[in-house]
Amino acid sequence: MPDTPIHWIAAAIFAVALVHTFSAKQFERLSHRYPRHAGLFHLLGEVEVVFGFWAIVLVIAMAAVAGGSSALDYAESRNYTEPLFVFVVMVIAASRPVLRTVMSMVNAVARVVPVRTPLATAWLGLAAVPLLGSLITEPAAMTIAALMLAPQIFRPEVPERVKYLALGVLFVNVSIGGTLTSYAAPPVLMVATTWQWDSAFMLATFGWKAALAVLVNATVATSVLRNHLLPAPAGNDDAPVEARVPLSVVSIHLALLAGVVLFAHHPVVFLSLFLMFLGFTQAYERHQSPLILKEALLVGFFLAGLVVLGGMQQWWLQPIVSGLTPIALFLGALGLTAITDNAALTYLGSLIVGISDQSKYMLVAGAVAGGGLTVIANAPNPAGVALLKRGFADETIGAGGLLLGALGPTIVAAAAFMIF
């Protein structure tokens, strides 16, 4: 039990932040209803702002209750490596050389598949790219998939329910698609060293089941989408000569992306590589598109806020996690992931002394299977929201719509992980 009032205050603020997340779409509607305060309501309606905003409220409350030095010490004690990494990898992965390279590969495969090209490119975007996340990390896979699929699927004229299904499939597939290795999915990364899970173990225990679920989800989604698809934008091979990116520029971008992924846990290194990337893009601006700095900063702000708010929730989350049987732990993790980041949930599990191998499996399986249910369930989800929300009504993604869209894919993922 908590021993200071600030624990209860933090829990209350966390609950308010969750309610705010689920009602963000209402703030966007209020901005149209009350144009005089449209700016404030629009800001509060940005899902990416929610947790950062309430994290600031928490730090102010801590300063009022426990003193400014205690609040500052707490804020500085948090580990912000993941928010920084997601920011950096989003910007690099969304750069024109990287994006065009992946799209060229997807288009080349789509042309030889014996189905309509738009159907093939949509399927590859929902299946192959999320599985690629096991190599390039989930945030990078989410960024690439979202930018690829946005003009093809996430358009205002496509029915909302169809877009929410596609969004749910994308989020779930990215969440489970990173489990083929031990470093790409944040919830796996949190336990891999402690439990000595290497990539071979992940592939044999989780990976093939995740791949099966990804293929099923993508196939169902593209079947539903088949009458709403537009051709995907042309990749580098089909681009006009003046728009093509030289191989040397592509190689440097890919090398910088690989370096960032390789040193994902060393912010001093990957931030240095990012500065080199920014310098290179300035030097060869003619081969670049505008960098998504604003979107990536908002996502980083969201995740940093979740780190601050989530750090005060251990007192009630860990007793729940530690007191469940393996099956109950699987179902509990599946549900709790919807209201807290799945990496935070598995991290709490890694602190439990004497946890059985079956319970370890169930905890991680439930956490990754439920990673598409809400925006906060998995670290890459805010990136997808930031890049795709313009295709939805009021340019916001409703929490209820996402939850309904992700239910089916989540059930498929859960069923796949229950195969022994």
Foldseek 3Di string as FASTA:
>chain_A
DDDDVLLVVLVVLLVVLLVLLQCLVVLLVVCVVDVVCNVVSPQSSQNLCRLLVSLVVSLVVCCVRPNNVVSVVLLVPFDLLVLLLLLLLLQLLLKQLNLLVVLQVQQVVLVPDPDDSLLSSQLCLLAVLLLCLLPLALLSSLNSSLVQCQVWALAQVHDLLLVLLSLLSNQLLNLLSNQLAQQRFLQSVLQCVLVVPGNVNSNVQRVVLSNVLSNVSSVVSSVVCVVPTDRTDHGLVPDPPQQHDDPVVSVLSVVLSNQCSVVSVPCVRNVVSSVVVVVVCVVPVSNTDDGPNVLSVSLSSSVSSLSSSVVSNLVPLLVVLVPDDQVVNLVVLLVVLQSHALNSNSNSVSPDPPDDPSNNLSNSLSLSLNRQQFCRSGSSSSSSLSSRQCSYVSSHDRSVSNNVSNPVSSVSSSVSSVPD
